[in-house]
Every structure is written in structure tokens, then in C-alpha cells.
Amino acid sequence: MTDRPRPPRPQHVMEVVERSQLSPSLVRLVVGGPGFSTFPTPPSIDAYVKIVFAKPELGLEPPYDLAHLRETLPREDIPVTRTYTVREVDETAGTLTLDFVVHGDEGLAAPWARDAQPGDPIVFMGPGGTYSPDPTADWHLLAGDLSALPAVGAALEALPADARGYAFLVVDEDGDRIDLTAPAGVEIVWAVGSEGGAATDLLATTMQSRTWPDGRVHVFAHGERESIKRVRALLKEREVPRDQISISGYWAYGRNEDRFQSEKREPVGKID
């Protein structure tokens, strides 16, 4: 029996329709165009796409034959991917909304989003995702940092009108607290001073500032890896069953994206 190679994932070629600055650290891009017709309905509320970045100087035309390019290009010239949550899909307008955390010139996707203009092309694969709020849960707990804010915002809007719970969000500065729509029974709790991800105890500490309600909770907790490990430890203390938790690190303080992805296969990258 031989292993069959996985078929290439479809790529969706769209363009930037609109760019706006949500806060000092957040840029929002609305993308669409004829390529929207190939984008399937997302499977979950935390839907994500993998944006493909190719060096402009290579003159490559999307969609890219990534398998061929991996065989023919030097390693440093192979297109790379970056994962971003879909904040909203507007089927009527034929657009997707993507939010980017932008801090200066760091990274690849953030500077691109900072400088993006209407008409700029964007290529991505997806959508993926696994989490949607459980309508049968007694209450909901959402937790994360700026990287998780798009998914948390989408989850809050998807909760039943009578939902109860908390959304705990940590940000670097007060200006990054943006307006979110949530059911009346869900309190949004902000904590300022995450120090660009270095304050790894802040999220779990903030979660302990509120009373833990009775009943079965459904959890969504994502963000900086070490911060989320502390959240996971707190959930274990509260004896929350693993099947009631959606949890992962979206990034890691002091790591670039490539190093962070490679560490997912190492003990340091595991969140059980």
C-alpha cells in the first residue's frame, strides 16, 4: 500500500475592496471580486484561511502551483502561508472581512495589510475551522488576545440572544478596545497591558476576576501560546471536560511564524 499525495487545496484569488484602521493595532480588509464565487460556505464560526504570499519580484501568477514551485524554486523563494480568521462573510455583497494585528514592520502579513490598497490581489486557501458555540451549553467562556479578537467577535454575534457568560480579552493599549456586539447576558471583560504577548499571566488572571457560574460551560480560548497554556491549567483546575473546550495557540511570543509552526510538533508547542 502506497501513500497517495494529498490533492492540492483550491486557491481563491480575490482583491482588496476596502481597508480601514479599526484601532492602533488592528487593520481591517474587506476582500472580494469574481474570485468570491469559488469560496465555499465556512464550516464554523472560527473559520480561517491561509493567505499565500509570493515575492512580487518573481512575477508569479496566481493561483500558484505550490508543488511545482517547491521543486523548482530556491527555498527562500517558495511562497509562504499565513493563517487568519475570517471575521465575516457577506454572501450578498460577495466579500470576506479579515482583521490583521499590525505592529510596525514585524512579520509578513501585517506590513502587507498595513499598506494594502483597494485593487491589490490576495490569494488564500480554505476555509477551515472547527468551533461554533454550543446552543445547549449553560454558559459560554471566550478568551483571547488581539489575534483571537476576530473569532471572539464572530462568536459573540453567533451566540443565542439568551446566552450567558464572559468574553475575556487582553490588549496592549486602551485604544485597541473596540466595540463588540454581544447578548445582554455575556459580559465583555477587557484587560490592558499584555505587553505584546510578554504578559503571559494576564489572560488567566483576568479570568479569575469573575465568579465561575454553575452549569456546563462551552469554552473558546485562543491566542499567544504560553498565555493559553496558563488558561488551560486554569480550566483543568475547574475540571472542565476537554470535549467542551476549543483551545490553541495562534502564535508565540518571541517566535516568528515559521518557528512557531515547526514547534507545534515539539513538546513546547503542545496544549493538551
Protein backbone atom coordinates (compact mmCIF):
# COMPACT_ATOMS: atom_id res chain seq x y z
CA MET A 1 0.00 0.00 0.00
CA THR A 2 1.47 3.33 -1.02
CA ASP A 3 0.71 6.75 0.44
CA ARG A 4 -1.12 8.88 -2.04
CA PRO A 5 -0.13 12.54 -2.16
CA ARG A 6 -2.78 14.89 -0.86
CA PRO A 7 -4.56 16.76 -3.62
CA PRO A 8 -3.71 20.46 -3.79
CA ARG A 9 -6.06 22.69 -1.86
CA PRO A 10 -8.05 25.10 -4.03
CA GLN A 11 -6.83 28.69 -4.03
CA HIS A 12 -9.20 31.63 -4.12
CA VAL A 13 -7.94 34.69 -5.96
CA MET A 14 -9.63 37.92 -4.86
CA GLU A 15 -8.74 41.57 -4.38
CA VAL A 16 -8.87 44.14 -1.62
CA VAL A 17 -12.14 46.06 -1.77
CA GLU A 18 -11.76 48.23 1.32
CA ARG A 19 -9.19 48.94 4.03
CA SER A 20 -9.84 50.57 7.41
CA GLN A 21 -7.94 51.15 10.65
CA LEU A 22 -10.01 49.68 13.49
CA SER A 23 -7.60 50.63 16.26
CA PRO A 24 -3.91 51.47 16.69
CA SER A 25 -3.05 47.76 16.30
CA LEU A 26 -5.85 46.44 14.07
CA VAL A 27 -6.33 46.80 10.32
CA ARG A 28 -9.47 45.51 8.62
CA LEU A 29 -9.52 44.41 4.99
CA VAL A 30 -12.67 43.60 3.06
CA VAL A 31 -11.83 41.39 0.07
CA GLY A 32 -13.93 40.13 -2.81
CA GLY A 33 -14.32 40.24 -6.56
CA PRO A 34 -15.09 37.49 -9.07
CA GLY A 35 -12.97 35.01 -7.09
CA PHE A 36 -15.56 35.00 -4.31
CA SER A 37 -17.60 32.56 -6.39
CA THR A 38 -15.10 29.77 -5.57
CA PHE A 39 -15.24 30.34 -1.80
CA PRO A 40 -17.43 27.76 -0.03
CA THR A 41 -19.62 28.50 2.96
CA PRO A 42 -17.39 28.36 6.08
CA PRO A 43 -17.84 25.23 8.21
CA SER A 44 -17.70 27.01 11.55
CA ILE A 45 -17.73 30.33 13.37
CA ASP A 46 -13.93 30.32 13.80
CA ALA A 47 -13.39 29.89 10.05
CA TYR A 48 -9.87 30.67 8.89
CA VAL A 49 -7.99 30.99 5.62
CA LYS A 50 -4.35 30.52 4.75
CA ILE A 51 -3.13 33.53 2.78
CA VAL A 52 -0.42 32.72 0.23
CA PHE A 53 2.39 35.27 -0.10
CA ALA A 54 4.71 35.15 -3.11
CA LYS A 55 7.62 37.51 -3.68
CA PRO A 56 6.41 40.21 -6.11
CA GLU A 57 9.77 40.31 -7.89
CA LEU A 58 9.29 36.72 -9.07
CA GLY A 59 6.30 37.71 -11.18
CA LEU A 60 4.31 34.58 -10.29
CA GLU A 61 0.67 34.49 -11.39
CA PRO A 62 -1.97 33.07 -9.04
CA PRO A 63 -3.30 30.53 -8.42
CA TYR A 64 0.14 29.11 -7.69
CA ASP A 65 1.26 25.58 -8.43
CA LEU A 66 2.84 25.20 -5.00
CA ALA A 67 4.00 21.63 -5.53
CA HIS A 68 5.87 22.61 -8.68
CA LEU A 69 7.30 25.75 -7.10
CA ARG A 70 8.64 23.74 -4.14
CA GLU A 71 10.53 21.56 -6.60
CA THR A 72 11.88 24.34 -8.80
CA LEU A 73 12.48 27.40 -6.63
CA PRO A 74 15.17 28.03 -4.03
CA ARG A 75 13.82 27.56 -0.51
CA GLU A 76 13.85 31.30 0.20
CA ASP A 77 11.68 32.00 -2.87
CA ILE A 78 8.92 29.46 -2.22
CA PRO A 79 5.58 31.19 -1.42
CA VAL A 80 4.63 31.02 2.25
CA THR A 81 1.26 30.96 4.02
CA ARG A 82 -0.12 32.84 6.99
CA THR A 83 -3.33 31.91 8.81
CA TYR A 84 -6.07 34.45 9.56
CA THR A 85 -9.58 34.18 10.94
CA VAL A 86 -12.49 35.23 8.73
CA ARG A 87 -14.30 37.93 10.72
CA GLU A 88 -17.36 37.94 8.47
CA VAL A 89 -18.67 36.55 5.20
CA ASP A 90 -21.22 38.63 3.31
CA GLU A 91 -22.80 36.32 0.75
CA THR A 92 -24.93 39.11 -0.70
CA ALA A 93 -22.04 41.51 -1.27
CA GLY A 94 -19.65 38.69 -2.18
CA THR A 95 -17.00 39.74 0.34
CA LEU A 96 -14.93 38.45 3.25
CA THR A 97 -13.69 40.55 6.15
CA LEU A 98 -10.24 39.85 7.59
CA ASP A 99 -8.64 41.63 10.57
CA PHE A 100 -4.86 41.92 10.98
CA VAL A 101 -2.77 42.74 14.05
CA VAL A 102 -0.18 45.28 12.91
CA HIS A 103 2.90 46.26 14.93
CA GLY A 104 5.37 48.25 12.82
CA ASP A 105 7.30 46.27 10.24
CA GLU A 106 7.15 42.92 12.07
CA GLY A 107 6.11 39.84 10.16
CA LEU A 108 4.95 39.36 6.60
CA ALA A 109 1.15 39.64 6.53
CA ALA A 110 0.90 42.60 8.92
CA PRO A 111 3.04 45.04 6.87
CA TRP A 112 1.22 43.91 3.74
CA ALA A 113 -2.17 44.60 5.35
CA ARG A 114 -0.94 47.94 6.70
CA ASP A 115 -0.04 49.10 3.19
CA ALA A 116 -2.81 47.32 1.24
CA GLN A 117 -4.95 49.37 -1.11
CA PRO A 118 -8.19 48.62 -2.97
CA GLY A 119 -7.41 46.56 -6.05
CA ASP A 120 -4.44 44.74 -4.52
CA PRO A 121 -4.64 40.97 -5.13
CA ILE A 122 -4.95 38.44 -2.33
CA VAL A 123 -4.68 34.65 -2.67
CA PHE A 124 -5.73 32.20 0.00
CA MET A 125 -6.79 28.62 0.70
CA GLY A 126 -9.65 27.48 2.90
CA PRO A 127 -11.83 27.87 4.78
CA GLY A 128 -11.08 25.63 7.73
CA GLY A 129 -12.27 25.70 11.33
CA THR A 130 -13.99 23.57 13.96
CA TYR A 131 -15.66 25.78 16.58
CA SER A 132 -19.21 27.04 16.75
CA PRO A 133 -20.96 27.98 20.02
CA ASP A 134 -22.89 25.09 21.55
CA PRO A 135 -26.51 26.30 21.87
CA THR A 136 -27.16 23.71 24.59
CA ALA A 137 -24.40 24.96 26.93
CA ASP A 138 -25.47 26.61 30.17
CA TRP A 139 -22.92 29.38 29.66
CA HIS A 140 -20.04 30.40 27.41
CA LEU A 141 -16.45 31.41 28.09
CA LEU A 142 -14.50 33.16 25.32
CA ALA A 143 -10.89 34.19 25.91
CA GLY A 144 -8.03 35.54 23.85
CA ASP A 145 -5.83 38.41 22.76
CA LEU A 146 -5.83 40.64 19.67
CA SER A 147 -5.07 37.67 17.41
CA ALA A 148 -8.27 35.96 18.63
CA LEU A 149 -10.42 39.09 18.57
CA PRO A 150 -11.93 38.39 15.11
CA ALA A 151 -13.02 34.89 16.14
CA VAL A 152 -14.31 36.08 19.52
CA GLY A 153 -16.24 38.88 17.83
CA ALA A 154 -17.81 36.45 15.38
CA ALA A 155 -18.64 34.02 18.22
CA LEU A 156 -20.32 36.71 20.28
CA GLU A 157 -22.56 37.59 17.34
CA ALA A 158 -23.42 33.90 16.83
CA LEU A 159 -24.47 33.27 20.45
CA PRO A 160 -28.18 32.83 21.21
CA ALA A 161 -29.90 36.00 22.42
CA ASP A 162 -30.36 34.47 25.89
CA ALA A 163 -26.73 33.28 26.21
CA ARG A 164 -24.83 33.87 29.45
CA GLY A 165 -21.10 34.06 30.07
CA TYR A 166 -17.94 36.07 29.63
CA ALA A 167 -15.57 37.21 26.92
CA PHE A 168 -12.12 37.91 28.36
CA LEU A 169 -9.85 39.92 26.05
CA VAL A 170 -6.33 41.23 26.64
CA VAL A 171 -4.81 44.05 24.58
CA ASP A 172 -1.65 46.12 24.59
CA GLU A 173 -3.23 49.57 24.83
CA ASP A 174 -6.57 51.09 25.70
CA GLY A 175 -7.20 52.18 22.10
CA ASP A 176 -7.39 48.55 20.99
CA ARG A 177 -10.65 48.00 22.88
CA ILE A 178 -13.14 48.02 20.03
CA ASP A 179 -16.93 47.87 20.05
CA LEU A 180 -18.30 44.33 20.04
CA THR A 181 -21.88 43.10 19.82
CA ALA A 182 -22.87 40.54 22.45
CA PRO A 183 -26.01 39.19 24.15
CA ALA A 184 -27.04 41.12 27.25
CA GLY A 185 -26.11 38.16 29.45
CA VAL A 186 -22.48 37.99 28.22
CA GLU A 187 -20.05 40.39 29.89
CA ILE A 188 -17.05 41.57 27.89
CA VAL A 189 -14.05 41.98 30.19
CA TRP A 190 -11.02 43.84 28.83
CA ALA A 191 -7.52 43.82 30.33
CA VAL A 192 -4.92 46.30 29.09
CA GLY A 193 -1.19 45.64 29.33
CA SER A 194 -0.45 42.40 27.51
CA GLU A 195 2.96 43.84 26.55
CA GLY A 196 2.91 42.44 23.04
CA GLY A 197 2.36 38.93 24.37
CA ALA A 198 5.03 39.04 27.09
CA ALA A 199 2.50 39.28 29.95
CA THR A 200 1.57 35.62 29.74
CA ASP A 201 -0.31 35.52 33.07
CA LEU A 202 -2.67 38.39 32.27
CA LEU A 203 -5.42 36.45 30.50
CA ALA A 204 -5.74 33.69 33.10
CA THR A 205 -5.57 36.23 35.93
CA THR A 206 -8.32 38.30 34.34
CA MET A 207 -10.48 35.20 34.01
CA GLN A 208 -10.21 34.70 37.77
CA SER A 209 -11.67 38.15 38.40
CA ARG A 210 -15.21 36.95 37.79
CA THR A 211 -17.43 34.39 39.51
CA TRP A 212 -17.47 30.97 37.87
CA PRO A 213 -21.15 30.23 37.04
CA ASP A 214 -22.83 26.90 37.68
CA GLY A 215 -23.68 24.58 34.82
CA ARG A 216 -21.97 23.26 31.71
CA VAL A 217 -19.63 25.72 30.04
CA HIS A 218 -18.50 25.81 26.41
CA VAL A 219 -15.04 27.34 26.03
CA PHE A 220 -13.23 29.09 23.19
CA ALA A 221 -9.69 30.12 24.20
CA HIS A 222 -7.03 31.07 21.66
CA GLY A 223 -4.10 33.45 21.45
CA GLU A 224 -0.44 33.63 22.46
CA ARG A 225 0.76 30.10 23.20
CA GLU A 226 2.19 30.49 26.71
CA SER A 227 -0.78 32.60 27.76
CA ILE A 228 -3.15 29.91 26.54
CA LYS A 229 -1.20 27.24 28.42
CA ARG A 230 -2.00 29.12 31.62
CA VAL A 231 -5.64 29.29 30.62
CA ARG A 232 -5.59 25.54 30.01
CA ALA A 233 -4.18 24.97 33.51
CA LEU A 234 -7.00 27.06 34.98
CA LEU A 235 -9.61 25.07 33.06
CA LYS A 236 -8.11 21.85 34.40
CA GLU A 237 -8.39 23.23 37.93
CA ARG A 238 -12.05 23.96 37.23
CA GLU A 239 -12.42 20.39 35.87
CA VAL A 240 -13.84 21.45 32.51
CA PRO A 241 -14.06 18.36 30.25
CA ARG A 242 -11.78 18.51 27.23
CA ASP A 243 -14.65 17.99 24.81
CA GLN A 244 -16.19 21.28 25.98
CA ILE A 245 -13.08 23.26 25.06
CA SER A 246 -11.76 24.74 21.81
CA ILE A 247 -8.21 25.83 22.61
CA SER A 248 -4.95 26.50 20.78
CA GLY A 249 -2.05 28.89 20.44
CA TYR A 250 -2.35 31.21 17.45
CA TRP A 251 1.21 32.48 17.85
CA ALA A 252 4.11 32.51 20.31
CA TYR A 253 5.91 35.45 21.87
CA GLY A 254 9.50 35.76 20.58
CA ARG A 255 8.91 33.37 17.68
CA ASN A 256 8.42 34.11 14.01
CA GLU A 257 5.64 32.30 12.20
CA ASP A 258 7.83 29.61 10.68
CA ARG A 259 9.46 28.75 14.01
CA PHE A 260 6.09 28.76 15.75
CA GLN A 261 4.64 26.32 13.21
CA SER A 262 7.59 23.95 13.47
CA GLU A 263 7.32 23.93 17.27
CA LYS A 264 3.77 22.57 17.05
CA ARG A 265 5.39 19.17 16.59
CA GLU A 266 7.58 19.63 19.69
CA PRO A 267 6.65 19.40 23.41
CA VAL A 268 6.87 23.18 23.79
CA GLY A 269 4.18 23.61 21.19
CA LYS A 270 1.62 21.28 22.75
CA ILE A 271 -1.51 22.45 24.56
CA ASP A 272 -3.41 19.38 25.74
